[in-house]
Amino acid sequence: MDTTQLIFFVLIIIPSAILHEFAHGVAADRLGDPTPRLAGRLTLNPAVHIDPIGTIILPFGLFFLTNGSFLFAYAKPMPFNPLALRLQRWGSAVVGVAGPAANLLVAFALGAVARFMPDTLFASYLTIIVYANILLAVFNLVPIPPLDGSKVLLALLPDRWYAFKAALERYGVWVLLIFILTASSWLTPIIRPLLKLAVGSDI
């Protein structure tokens, strides 16, 4: 990507992260938890989802610090009450998966459009949107708290692993930081094939 495309990528990550959190809220609401609705978060209005650090400072800071080689953003985490969900064991996992699922839905829908378009500048920018949403989905499915994949992992682990679950939740942020600094490149072999599947080519 050239500089203009990288800037567009930074900008498109923001609404993609907002959509991600909105999907969490919709899933929680459908499962019987009114918390997101009562908090005024069941909307795509950016004003209620933007986190000054995660949605603005982080993506632009990473853009300049890494020269665009690693970019990420997040919106305000969606509040929900696991105890209010109809599916007690799997409810949190369903809410967690809803965010990445929304990003993948957008990615493959726009990818289908880009796939059948002429090789134009517009098509290249559609591909960037697809890439941004796939990146968000795959990264968030990493099973490390506070990422969404951890909710699936915690639901899968048997109750007798309580001590491990508690330790994972307590120290997950530090494990995630180490992962970002040392092993985030492991996601590339997952992201690239998904991008090619969505648009028929690499970025």
N, C-alpha and C. Protein backbone atom coordinates (compact mmCIF):
# COMPACT_ATOMS: atom_id res chain seq x y z
N MET A 1 0.84 -1.20 0.00
CA MET A 1 0.00 0.00 0.00
C MET A 1 0.87 1.25 0.00
N ASP A 2 0.47 2.25 -0.79
CA ASP A 2 1.19 3.51 -0.76
C ASP A 2 0.70 4.34 0.43
N THR A 3 1.27 5.53 0.60
CA THR A 3 0.95 6.34 1.78
C THR A 3 -0.53 6.71 1.84
N THR A 4 -1.11 7.07 0.70
CA THR A 4 -2.53 7.45 0.67
C THR A 4 -3.40 6.27 1.08
N GLN A 5 -3.08 5.09 0.58
CA GLN A 5 -3.84 3.90 0.93
C GLN A 5 -3.68 3.54 2.41
N LEU A 6 -2.47 3.74 2.96
CA LEU A 6 -2.24 3.46 4.37
C LEU A 6 -3.07 4.40 5.25
N ILE A 7 -3.14 5.66 4.87
CA ILE A 7 -3.95 6.62 5.62
C ILE A 7 -5.42 6.22 5.56
N PHE A 8 -5.87 5.81 4.36
CA PHE A 8 -7.25 5.35 4.22
C PHE A 8 -7.50 4.13 5.09
N PHE A 9 -6.51 3.23 5.16
CA PHE A 9 -6.62 2.04 5.99
C PHE A 9 -6.79 2.41 7.46
N VAL A 10 -6.00 3.39 7.94
CA VAL A 10 -6.12 3.86 9.31
C VAL A 10 -7.53 4.41 9.55
N LEU A 11 -8.03 5.18 8.59
CA LEU A 11 -9.35 5.79 8.75
C LEU A 11 -10.47 4.75 8.72
N ILE A 12 -10.33 3.72 7.89
CA ILE A 12 -11.41 2.74 7.76
C ILE A 12 -11.42 1.76 8.93
N ILE A 13 -10.30 1.61 9.62
CA ILE A 13 -10.24 0.75 10.80
C ILE A 13 -11.21 1.26 11.87
N ILE A 14 -11.38 2.59 11.94
CA ILE A 14 -12.22 3.20 12.99
C ILE A 14 -13.68 2.79 12.86
N PRO A 15 -14.35 3.01 11.70
CA PRO A 15 -15.75 2.55 11.61
C PRO A 15 -15.87 1.03 11.66
N SER A 16 -14.84 0.32 11.24
CA SER A 16 -14.88 -1.15 11.31
C SER A 16 -14.88 -1.61 12.77
N ALA A 17 -14.11 -0.93 13.62
CA ALA A 17 -14.09 -1.25 15.04
C ALA A 17 -15.42 -0.90 15.70
N ILE A 18 -16.03 0.20 15.26
CA ILE A 18 -17.34 0.60 15.79
C ILE A 18 -18.40 -0.43 15.43
N LEU A 19 -18.39 -0.89 14.18
CA LEU A 19 -19.32 -1.94 13.75
C LEU A 19 -19.13 -3.19 14.60
N HIS A 20 -17.90 -3.51 14.89
CA HIS A 20 -17.54 -4.68 15.69
C HIS A 20 -18.22 -4.61 17.06
N GLU A 21 -18.11 -3.47 17.73
CA GLU A 21 -18.71 -3.32 19.06
C GLU A 21 -20.23 -3.29 18.99
N PHE A 22 -20.76 -2.66 17.96
CA PHE A 22 -22.21 -2.63 17.76
C PHE A 22 -22.77 -4.05 17.66
N ALA A 23 -22.07 -4.91 16.94
CA ALA A 23 -22.51 -6.30 16.77
C ALA A 23 -22.52 -7.03 18.11
N HIS A 24 -21.52 -6.76 18.97
CA HIS A 24 -21.54 -7.33 20.32
C HIS A 24 -22.83 -6.93 21.04
N GLY A 25 -23.18 -5.66 20.95
CA GLY A 25 -24.36 -5.15 21.64
C GLY A 25 -25.64 -5.77 21.13
N VAL A 26 -25.75 -5.92 19.82
CA VAL A 26 -26.94 -6.52 19.23
C VAL A 26 -27.08 -7.97 19.70
N ALA A 27 -25.96 -8.70 19.72
CA ALA A 27 -26.01 -10.10 20.15
C ALA A 27 -26.45 -10.21 21.61
N ALA A 28 -25.88 -9.35 22.48
CA ALA A 28 -26.26 -9.38 23.89
C ALA A 28 -27.74 -9.05 24.06
N ASP A 29 -28.22 -8.05 23.31
CA ASP A 29 -29.62 -7.64 23.39
C ASP A 29 -30.54 -8.77 22.95
N ARG A 30 -30.17 -9.45 21.87
CA ARG A 30 -31.00 -10.57 21.38
C ARG A 30 -31.01 -11.74 22.36
N LEU A 31 -29.96 -11.84 23.16
CA LEU A 31 -29.90 -12.94 24.14
C LEU A 31 -30.51 -12.54 25.48
N GLY A 32 -31.18 -11.38 25.52
CA GLY A 32 -31.94 -11.01 26.71
C GLY A 32 -31.29 -10.03 27.66
N ASP A 33 -30.10 -9.53 27.31
CA ASP A 33 -29.43 -8.58 28.21
C ASP A 33 -29.69 -7.15 27.72
N PRO A 34 -30.38 -6.33 28.51
CA PRO A 34 -30.70 -4.96 28.09
C PRO A 34 -29.58 -3.96 28.31
N THR A 35 -28.45 -4.41 28.86
CA THR A 35 -27.37 -3.49 29.24
C THR A 35 -26.90 -2.59 28.08
N PRO A 36 -26.60 -3.15 26.90
CA PRO A 36 -26.15 -2.28 25.82
C PRO A 36 -27.20 -1.23 25.42
N ARG A 37 -28.47 -1.65 25.41
CA ARG A 37 -29.54 -0.71 25.04
C ARG A 37 -29.69 0.38 26.08
N LEU A 38 -29.65 0.00 27.36
CA LEU A 38 -29.78 0.98 28.43
C LEU A 38 -28.59 1.94 28.48
N ALA A 39 -27.45 1.46 28.00
CA ALA A 39 -26.24 2.31 27.97
C ALA A 39 -26.21 3.19 26.72
N GLY A 40 -27.22 3.06 25.86
CA GLY A 40 -27.27 3.86 24.64
C GLY A 40 -26.27 3.45 23.58
N ARG A 41 -25.86 2.18 23.60
CA ARG A 41 -24.82 1.71 22.68
C ARG A 41 -25.36 0.95 21.48
N LEU A 42 -26.68 0.73 21.41
CA LEU A 42 -27.23 0.02 20.25
C LEU A 42 -27.47 1.01 19.11
N THR A 43 -26.40 1.59 18.63
CA THR A 43 -26.43 2.56 17.55
C THR A 43 -25.09 2.54 16.84
N LEU A 44 -25.10 2.94 15.58
CA LEU A 44 -23.86 3.05 14.82
C LEU A 44 -23.30 4.48 14.89
N ASN A 45 -23.91 5.31 15.71
CA ASN A 45 -23.42 6.67 15.90
C ASN A 45 -22.00 6.62 16.49
N PRO A 46 -20.99 7.08 15.76
CA PRO A 46 -19.60 6.98 16.25
C PRO A 46 -19.37 7.65 17.60
N ALA A 47 -20.13 8.70 17.90
CA ALA A 47 -19.90 9.48 19.12
C ALA A 47 -19.99 8.64 20.38
N VAL A 48 -20.85 7.61 20.39
CA VAL A 48 -21.03 6.81 21.61
C VAL A 48 -20.06 5.63 21.69
N HIS A 49 -19.32 5.39 20.63
CA HIS A 49 -18.42 4.24 20.60
C HIS A 49 -16.94 4.62 20.62
N ILE A 50 -16.62 5.84 20.26
CA ILE A 50 -15.22 6.23 20.12
C ILE A 50 -14.52 6.28 21.47
N ASP A 51 -13.39 5.60 21.55
CA ASP A 51 -12.50 5.66 22.69
C ASP A 51 -11.31 6.53 22.27
N PRO A 52 -11.05 7.63 22.96
CA PRO A 52 -9.99 8.54 22.50
C PRO A 52 -8.64 7.85 22.27
N ILE A 53 -8.31 6.91 23.14
CA ILE A 53 -7.02 6.22 22.99
C ILE A 53 -7.10 5.15 21.91
N GLY A 54 -8.05 4.21 22.08
CA GLY A 54 -8.09 3.06 21.19
C GLY A 54 -8.57 3.35 19.78
N THR A 55 -9.43 4.36 19.62
CA THR A 55 -10.01 4.63 18.31
C THR A 55 -9.26 5.72 17.54
N ILE A 56 -8.53 6.56 18.25
CA ILE A 56 -7.86 7.67 17.57
C ILE A 56 -6.34 7.64 17.78
N ILE A 57 -5.90 7.71 19.04
CA ILE A 57 -4.46 7.81 19.31
C ILE A 57 -3.73 6.54 18.90
N LEU A 58 -4.28 5.36 19.25
CA LEU A 58 -3.60 4.10 18.95
C LEU A 58 -3.37 3.88 17.46
N PRO A 59 -4.42 3.93 16.60
CA PRO A 59 -4.17 3.66 15.19
C PRO A 59 -3.23 4.66 14.53
N PHE A 60 -3.40 5.95 14.84
CA PHE A 60 -2.52 6.95 14.23
C PHE A 60 -1.11 6.87 14.80
N GLY A 61 -1.01 6.55 16.11
CA GLY A 61 0.30 6.39 16.72
C GLY A 61 1.05 5.21 16.12
N LEU A 62 0.36 4.06 15.97
CA LEU A 62 0.98 2.89 15.36
C LEU A 62 1.38 3.16 13.91
N PHE A 63 0.57 3.95 13.23
CA PHE A 63 0.86 4.29 11.83
C PHE A 63 2.22 4.98 11.72
N PHE A 64 2.47 5.92 12.61
CA PHE A 64 3.73 6.67 12.54
C PHE A 64 4.89 5.89 13.16
N LEU A 65 4.62 5.12 14.23
CA LEU A 65 5.69 4.39 14.90
C LEU A 65 6.20 3.21 14.08
N THR A 66 5.27 2.54 13.38
CA THR A 66 5.66 1.35 12.61
C THR A 66 5.71 1.60 11.11
N ASN A 67 5.55 2.85 10.71
CA ASN A 67 5.52 3.20 9.29
C ASN A 67 4.45 2.41 8.54
N GLY A 68 3.35 2.15 9.24
CA GLY A 68 2.22 1.48 8.61
C GLY A 68 2.31 -0.03 8.56
N SER A 69 3.35 -0.62 9.20
CA SER A 69 3.51 -2.08 9.11
C SER A 69 2.58 -2.83 10.06
N PHE A 70 2.15 -2.16 11.15
CA PHE A 70 1.19 -2.78 12.06
C PHE A 70 0.19 -1.72 12.50
N LEU A 71 -1.08 -1.96 12.23
CA LEU A 71 -2.12 -1.00 12.57
C LEU A 71 -3.28 -1.72 13.26
N PHE A 72 -3.80 -1.09 14.28
CA PHE A 72 -4.93 -1.68 14.98
C PHE A 72 -5.69 -0.57 15.69
N ALA A 73 -6.96 -0.83 15.98
CA ALA A 73 -7.78 0.14 16.69
C ALA A 73 -8.87 -0.61 17.43
N TYR A 74 -9.43 0.02 18.44
CA TYR A 74 -10.59 -0.55 19.11
C TYR A 74 -11.51 0.58 19.56
N ALA A 75 -12.79 0.26 19.63
CA ALA A 75 -13.77 1.21 20.15
C ALA A 75 -14.01 0.90 21.63
N LYS A 76 -14.84 1.71 22.29
CA LYS A 76 -15.18 1.44 23.69
C LYS A 76 -15.75 0.03 23.80
N PRO A 77 -15.26 -0.78 24.73
CA PRO A 77 -15.82 -2.12 24.90
C PRO A 77 -17.33 -2.04 25.17
N MET A 78 -18.06 -2.97 24.57
CA MET A 78 -19.51 -2.99 24.75
C MET A 78 -19.86 -3.56 26.11
N PRO A 79 -20.59 -2.82 26.95
CA PRO A 79 -20.97 -3.36 28.26
C PRO A 79 -22.08 -4.40 28.11
N PHE A 80 -21.95 -5.50 28.81
CA PHE A 80 -23.03 -6.49 28.86
C PHE A 80 -22.88 -7.30 30.14
N ASN A 81 -23.98 -7.87 30.56
CA ASN A 81 -24.03 -8.64 31.79
C ASN A 81 -24.17 -10.12 31.46
N PRO A 82 -23.11 -10.90 31.61
CA PRO A 82 -23.18 -12.33 31.27
C PRO A 82 -24.29 -13.07 32.01
N LEU A 83 -24.61 -12.63 33.24
CA LEU A 83 -25.62 -13.31 34.03
C LEU A 83 -27.03 -13.07 33.51
N ALA A 84 -27.19 -12.04 32.67
CA ALA A 84 -28.51 -11.73 32.12
C ALA A 84 -28.77 -12.44 30.79
N LEU A 85 -27.77 -13.10 30.24
CA LEU A 85 -27.91 -13.77 28.95
C LEU A 85 -28.67 -15.08 29.11
N ARG A 86 -29.50 -15.40 28.13
CA ARG A 86 -30.29 -16.63 28.20
C ARG A 86 -29.41 -17.87 28.16
N LEU A 87 -28.34 -17.80 27.39
CA LEU A 87 -27.42 -18.93 27.30
C LEU A 87 -26.30 -18.71 28.32
N GLN A 88 -26.44 -19.30 29.49
CA GLN A 88 -25.49 -19.00 30.55
C GLN A 88 -24.06 -19.44 30.21
N ARG A 89 -23.89 -20.68 29.75
CA ARG A 89 -22.53 -21.17 29.49
C ARG A 89 -21.95 -20.58 28.22
N TRP A 90 -22.78 -20.49 27.17
CA TRP A 90 -22.28 -20.08 25.87
C TRP A 90 -22.64 -18.64 25.49
N GLY A 91 -23.41 -17.96 26.33
CA GLY A 91 -23.86 -16.62 25.98
C GLY A 91 -22.72 -15.66 25.72
N SER A 92 -21.73 -15.63 26.62
CA SER A 92 -20.60 -14.72 26.44
C SER A 92 -19.81 -15.05 25.18
N ALA A 93 -19.72 -16.34 24.86
CA ALA A 93 -19.01 -16.75 23.66
C ALA A 93 -19.74 -16.25 22.41
N VAL A 94 -21.07 -16.36 22.42
CA VAL A 94 -21.87 -15.89 21.28
C VAL A 94 -21.71 -14.38 21.11
N VAL A 95 -21.77 -13.65 22.23
CA VAL A 95 -21.58 -12.19 22.17
C VAL A 95 -20.18 -11.88 21.65
N GLY A 96 -19.19 -12.64 22.11
CA GLY A 96 -17.82 -12.42 21.67
C GLY A 96 -17.63 -12.66 20.19
N VAL A 97 -18.20 -13.73 19.67
CA VAL A 97 -18.04 -14.08 18.26
C VAL A 97 -18.79 -13.11 17.35
N ALA A 98 -19.83 -12.46 17.86
CA ALA A 98 -20.65 -11.57 17.02
C ALA A 98 -19.84 -10.44 16.40
N GLY A 99 -18.87 -9.90 17.13
CA GLY A 99 -18.05 -8.80 16.59
C GLY A 99 -17.22 -9.22 15.39
N PRO A 100 -16.37 -10.26 15.53
CA PRO A 100 -15.62 -10.75 14.38
C PRO A 100 -16.52 -11.21 13.23
N ALA A 101 -17.67 -11.81 13.57
CA ALA A 101 -18.59 -12.28 12.52
C ALA A 101 -19.10 -11.11 11.69
N ALA A 102 -19.40 -9.98 12.34
CA ALA A 102 -19.86 -8.79 11.61
C ALA A 102 -18.77 -8.28 10.68
N ASN A 103 -17.52 -8.27 11.17
CA ASN A 103 -16.42 -7.82 10.31
C ASN A 103 -16.22 -8.74 9.11
N LEU A 104 -16.34 -10.05 9.34
CA LEU A 104 -16.18 -11.00 8.23
C LEU A 104 -17.33 -10.88 7.24
N LEU A 105 -18.53 -10.62 7.73
CA LEU A 105 -19.68 -10.44 6.85
C LEU A 105 -19.46 -9.24 5.93
N VAL A 106 -19.01 -8.13 6.49
CA VAL A 106 -18.70 -6.94 5.68
C VAL A 106 -17.59 -7.25 4.69
N ALA A 107 -16.55 -7.94 5.17
CA ALA A 107 -15.40 -8.24 4.32
C ALA A 107 -15.80 -9.07 3.10
N PHE A 108 -16.58 -10.11 3.32
CA PHE A 108 -16.93 -10.99 2.20
C PHE A 108 -18.00 -10.38 1.30
N ALA A 109 -18.86 -9.52 1.86
CA ALA A 109 -19.85 -8.83 1.03
C ALA A 109 -19.16 -7.84 0.09
N LEU A 110 -18.27 -7.02 0.66
CA LEU A 110 -17.55 -6.06 -0.18
C LEU A 110 -16.53 -6.76 -1.08
N GLY A 111 -15.99 -7.87 -0.59
CA GLY A 111 -15.07 -8.65 -1.42
C GLY A 111 -15.74 -9.19 -2.66
N ALA A 112 -17.00 -9.60 -2.52
CA ALA A 112 -17.75 -10.09 -3.68
C ALA A 112 -17.95 -8.99 -4.70
N VAL A 113 -18.16 -7.76 -4.22
CA VAL A 113 -18.30 -6.62 -5.14
C VAL A 113 -16.97 -6.34 -5.83
N ALA A 114 -15.89 -6.30 -5.04
CA ALA A 114 -14.56 -5.99 -5.60
C ALA A 114 -14.10 -7.06 -6.58
N ARG A 115 -14.47 -8.30 -6.31
CA ARG A 115 -14.02 -9.41 -7.16
C ARG A 115 -14.51 -9.26 -8.61
N PHE A 116 -15.71 -8.69 -8.77
CA PHE A 116 -16.30 -8.61 -10.12
C PHE A 116 -16.21 -7.21 -10.71
N MET A 117 -15.38 -6.35 -10.08
CA MET A 117 -15.18 -5.01 -10.61
C MET A 117 -13.93 -4.96 -11.46
N PRO A 118 -13.86 -4.02 -12.40
CA PRO A 118 -12.61 -3.82 -13.13
C PRO A 118 -11.50 -3.41 -12.16
N ASP A 119 -10.27 -3.59 -12.57
CA ASP A 119 -9.13 -3.25 -11.72
C ASP A 119 -8.95 -1.74 -11.69
N THR A 120 -9.74 -1.09 -10.84
CA THR A 120 -9.74 0.37 -10.76
C THR A 120 -9.29 0.81 -9.37
N LEU A 121 -9.11 2.12 -9.21
CA LEU A 121 -8.72 2.67 -7.91
C LEU A 121 -9.81 2.38 -6.87
N PHE A 122 -11.07 2.47 -7.29
CA PHE A 122 -12.18 2.20 -6.37
C PHE A 122 -12.12 0.76 -5.86
N ALA A 123 -11.82 -0.17 -6.76
CA ALA A 123 -11.73 -1.58 -6.37
C ALA A 123 -10.58 -1.80 -5.38
N SER A 124 -9.48 -1.09 -5.57
CA SER A 124 -8.34 -1.24 -4.65
C SER A 124 -8.70 -0.73 -3.26
N TYR A 125 -9.50 0.33 -3.20
CA TYR A 125 -9.91 0.84 -1.88
C TYR A 125 -10.95 -0.06 -1.23
N LEU A 126 -11.79 -0.70 -2.03
CA LEU A 126 -12.70 -1.71 -1.48
C LEU A 126 -11.90 -2.86 -0.86
N THR A 127 -10.83 -3.24 -1.54
CA THR A 127 -9.98 -4.32 -1.04
C THR A 127 -9.35 -3.95 0.30
N ILE A 128 -8.99 -2.69 0.46
CA ILE A 128 -8.43 -2.23 1.73
C ILE A 128 -9.46 -2.35 2.85
N ILE A 129 -10.72 -2.01 2.56
CA ILE A 129 -11.79 -2.16 3.56
C ILE A 129 -11.95 -3.63 3.94
N VAL A 130 -11.89 -4.50 2.93
CA VAL A 130 -11.99 -5.95 3.17
C VAL A 130 -10.84 -6.39 4.08
N TYR A 131 -9.64 -5.95 3.76
CA TYR A 131 -8.46 -6.32 4.54
C TYR A 131 -8.57 -5.84 5.99
N ALA A 132 -9.02 -4.61 6.19
CA ALA A 132 -9.15 -4.05 7.54
C ALA A 132 -10.12 -4.87 8.38
N ASN A 133 -11.23 -5.28 7.78
CA ASN A 133 -12.23 -6.04 8.53
C ASN A 133 -11.77 -7.46 8.81
N ILE A 134 -11.05 -8.07 7.88
CA ILE A 134 -10.50 -9.40 8.13
C ILE A 134 -9.45 -9.33 9.23
N LEU A 135 -8.61 -8.31 9.19
CA LEU A 135 -7.60 -8.14 10.24
C LEU A 135 -8.24 -8.01 11.62
N LEU A 136 -9.27 -7.20 11.73
CA LEU A 136 -9.96 -7.03 13.01
C LEU A 136 -10.57 -8.34 13.48
N ALA A 137 -11.20 -9.06 12.56
CA ALA A 137 -11.86 -10.32 12.92
C ALA A 137 -10.85 -11.34 13.42
N VAL A 138 -9.78 -11.54 12.66
CA VAL A 138 -8.79 -12.57 13.00
C VAL A 138 -8.07 -12.21 14.30
N PHE A 139 -7.66 -10.96 14.43
CA PHE A 139 -6.94 -10.55 15.64
C PHE A 139 -7.81 -10.73 16.88
N ASN A 140 -9.08 -10.35 16.77
CA ASN A 140 -9.97 -10.44 17.93
C ASN A 140 -10.32 -11.88 18.30
N LEU A 141 -10.13 -12.80 17.38
CA LEU A 141 -10.41 -14.21 17.68
C LEU A 141 -9.24 -14.92 18.35
N VAL A 142 -8.13 -14.22 18.52
CA VAL A 142 -7.01 -14.80 19.30
C VAL A 142 -7.51 -15.04 20.73
N PRO A 143 -7.32 -16.24 21.28
CA PRO A 143 -7.93 -16.57 22.58
C PRO A 143 -7.16 -16.05 23.78
N ILE A 144 -6.91 -14.75 23.79
CA ILE A 144 -6.23 -14.10 24.91
C ILE A 144 -7.11 -12.96 25.41
N PRO A 145 -7.46 -12.92 26.70
CA PRO A 145 -8.24 -11.79 27.22
C PRO A 145 -7.47 -10.48 27.02
N PRO A 146 -8.15 -9.40 26.70
CA PRO A 146 -9.61 -9.26 26.66
C PRO A 146 -10.21 -9.47 25.27
N LEU A 147 -9.48 -10.12 24.36
CA LEU A 147 -9.98 -10.33 23.01
C LEU A 147 -11.15 -11.31 23.01
N ASP A 148 -11.94 -11.23 21.93
CA ASP A 148 -13.18 -12.02 21.86
C ASP A 148 -12.94 -13.52 21.88
N GLY A 149 -11.84 -13.95 21.30
CA GLY A 149 -11.54 -15.38 21.27
C GLY A 149 -11.42 -15.98 22.65
N SER A 150 -11.06 -15.16 23.64
CA SER A 150 -10.92 -15.67 25.00
C SER A 150 -12.28 -16.08 25.58
N LYS A 151 -13.34 -15.41 25.14
CA LYS A 151 -14.68 -15.76 25.64
C LYS A 151 -15.08 -17.15 25.15
N VAL A 152 -14.67 -17.48 23.94
CA VAL A 152 -14.93 -18.82 23.41
C VAL A 152 -14.09 -19.84 24.18
N LEU A 153 -12.81 -19.52 24.38
CA LEU A 153 -11.92 -20.43 25.10
C LEU A 153 -12.43 -20.70 26.52
N LEU A 154 -12.84 -19.64 27.22
CA LEU A 154 -13.31 -19.81 28.60
C LEU A 154 -14.59 -20.63 28.67
N ALA A 155 -15.43 -20.53 27.63
CA ALA A 155 -16.66 -21.33 27.59
C ALA A 155 -16.34 -22.80 27.33
N LEU A 156 -15.28 -23.05 26.57
CA LEU A 156 -14.91 -24.42 26.23
C LEU A 156 -14.20 -25.14 27.39
N LEU A 157 -13.45 -24.38 28.18
CA LEU A 157 -12.70 -25.01 29.26
C LEU A 157 -13.64 -25.54 30.35
N PRO A 158 -13.38 -26.72 30.87
CA PRO A 158 -14.24 -27.28 31.93
C PRO A 158 -14.14 -26.48 33.21
N ASP A 159 -15.17 -26.57 34.04
CA ASP A 159 -15.23 -25.79 35.28
C ASP A 159 -14.06 -26.10 36.21
N ARG A 160 -13.53 -27.32 36.14
CA ARG A 160 -12.43 -27.67 37.05
C ARG A 160 -11.15 -26.89 36.75
N TRP A 161 -11.13 -26.19 35.61
CA TRP A 161 -9.98 -25.36 35.25
C TRP A 161 -10.16 -23.93 35.77
N TYR A 162 -10.90 -23.77 36.85
CA TYR A 162 -11.22 -22.45 37.38
C TYR A 162 -9.97 -21.61 37.62
N ALA A 163 -8.94 -22.21 38.24
CA ALA A 163 -7.73 -21.47 38.57
C ALA A 163 -7.04 -20.94 37.31
N PHE A 164 -7.01 -21.78 36.28
CA PHE A 164 -6.39 -21.36 35.02
C PHE A 164 -7.20 -20.23 34.38
N LYS A 165 -8.54 -20.37 34.41
CA LYS A 165 -9.40 -19.32 33.86
C LYS A 165 -9.16 -17.99 34.57
N ALA A 166 -9.09 -18.05 35.91
CA ALA A 166 -8.90 -16.83 36.69
C ALA A 166 -7.55 -16.19 36.38
N ALA A 167 -6.51 -17.03 36.24
CA ALA A 167 -5.18 -16.51 35.94
C ALA A 167 -5.14 -15.91 34.53
N LEU A 168 -5.82 -16.55 33.59
CA LEU A 168 -5.85 -16.06 32.22
C LEU A 168 -6.52 -14.69 32.15
N GLU A 169 -7.62 -14.55 32.88
CA GLU A 169 -8.33 -13.27 32.88
C GLU A 169 -7.52 -12.20 33.61
N ARG A 170 -6.80 -12.58 34.64
CA ARG A 170 -6.04 -11.61 35.43
C ARG A 170 -4.82 -11.09 34.67
N TYR A 171 -4.11 -12.01 33.97
CA TYR A 171 -2.86 -11.62 33.33
C TYR A 171 -2.97 -11.56 31.81
N GLY A 172 -4.20 -11.65 31.30
CA GLY A 172 -4.39 -11.70 29.86
C GLY A 172 -3.84 -10.49 29.12
N VAL A 173 -3.98 -9.31 29.69
CA VAL A 173 -3.51 -8.08 29.03
C VAL A 173 -2.01 -8.16 28.78
N TRP A 174 -1.26 -8.68 29.76
CA TRP A 174 0.19 -8.78 29.62
C TRP A 174 0.56 -9.84 28.59
N VAL A 175 -0.17 -10.95 28.59
CA VAL A 175 0.06 -11.99 27.58
C VAL A 175 -0.22 -11.43 26.19
N LEU A 176 -1.29 -10.64 26.08
CA LEU A 176 -1.65 -10.04 24.80
C LEU A 176 -0.56 -9.09 24.33
N LEU A 177 -0.02 -8.29 25.24
CA LEU A 177 1.04 -7.36 24.87
C LEU A 177 2.26 -8.10 24.34
N ILE A 178 2.63 -9.18 25.01
CA ILE A 178 3.76 -10.00 24.55
C ILE A 178 3.46 -10.59 23.18
N PHE A 179 2.22 -11.04 22.99
CA PHE A 179 1.83 -11.60 21.70
C PHE A 179 1.96 -10.56 20.59
N ILE A 180 1.48 -9.34 20.84
CA ILE A 180 1.55 -8.28 19.83
C ILE A 180 3.00 -7.97 19.47
N LEU A 181 3.85 -7.94 20.48
CA LEU A 181 5.25 -7.55 20.26
C LEU A 181 6.08 -8.65 19.62
N THR A 182 5.70 -9.90 19.86
CA THR A 182 6.58 -11.00 19.43
C THR A 182 5.98 -11.97 18.42
N ALA A 183 4.66 -12.10 18.40
CA ALA A 183 4.09 -13.19 17.61
C ALA A 183 2.90 -12.80 16.74
N SER A 184 2.59 -11.51 16.64
CA SER A 184 1.42 -11.11 15.85
C SER A 184 1.58 -11.46 14.37
N SER A 185 2.84 -11.62 13.92
CA SER A 185 3.07 -11.99 12.52
C SER A 185 2.53 -13.39 12.22
N TRP A 186 2.27 -14.19 13.27
CA TRP A 186 1.70 -15.52 13.06
C TRP A 186 0.30 -15.45 12.44
N LEU A 187 -0.33 -14.29 12.54
CA LEU A 187 -1.68 -14.15 12.00
C LEU A 187 -1.69 -13.98 10.48
N THR A 188 -0.56 -13.58 9.92
CA THR A 188 -0.50 -13.32 8.48
C THR A 188 -0.91 -14.53 7.64
N PRO A 189 -0.44 -15.75 7.97
CA PRO A 189 -0.86 -16.93 7.19
C PRO A 189 -2.35 -17.22 7.26
N ILE A 190 -3.06 -16.60 8.21
CA ILE A 190 -4.51 -16.74 8.29
C ILE A 190 -5.20 -15.62 7.52
N ILE A 191 -4.68 -14.41 7.70
CA ILE A 191 -5.30 -13.23 7.09
C ILE A 191 -5.19 -13.26 5.57
N ARG A 192 -4.02 -13.59 5.05
CA ARG A 192 -3.80 -13.54 3.60
C ARG A 192 -4.71 -14.49 2.82
N PRO A 193 -4.85 -15.77 3.24
CA PRO A 193 -5.77 -16.65 2.51
C PRO A 193 -7.22 -16.19 2.57
N LEU A 194 -7.64 -15.63 3.72
CA LEU A 194 -9.01 -15.12 3.83
C LEU A 194 -9.22 -13.94 2.88
N LEU A 195 -8.21 -13.07 2.78
CA LEU A 195 -8.30 -11.94 1.85
C LEU A 195 -8.40 -12.44 0.42
N LYS A 196 -7.58 -13.42 0.08
CA LYS A 196 -7.62 -13.96 -1.28
C LYS A 196 -8.94 -14.64 -1.56
N LEU A 197 -9.50 -15.32 -0.55
CA LEU A 197 -10.80 -15.96 -0.71
C LEU A 197 -11.89 -14.92 -0.92
N ALA A 198 -11.78 -13.78 -0.24
CA ALA A 198 -12.82 -12.75 -0.33
C ALA A 198 -12.77 -11.98 -1.65
N VAL A 199 -11.57 -11.59 -2.08
CA VAL A 199 -11.49 -10.73 -3.27
C VAL A 199 -10.81 -11.38 -4.47
N GLY A 200 -10.25 -12.56 -4.26
CA GLY A 200 -9.62 -13.26 -5.37
C GLY A 200 -8.18 -12.88 -5.61
N SER A 201 -7.62 -12.00 -4.75
CA SER A 201 -6.21 -11.59 -4.90
C SER A 201 -5.70 -11.07 -3.57
N ASP A 202 -4.39 -10.88 -3.49
CA ASP A 202 -3.78 -10.32 -2.29
C ASP A 202 -3.80 -8.80 -2.39
N ILE A 203 -3.49 -8.13 -1.27
CA ILE A 203 -3.54 -6.68 -1.27
C ILE A 203 -2.21 -6.10 -1.78
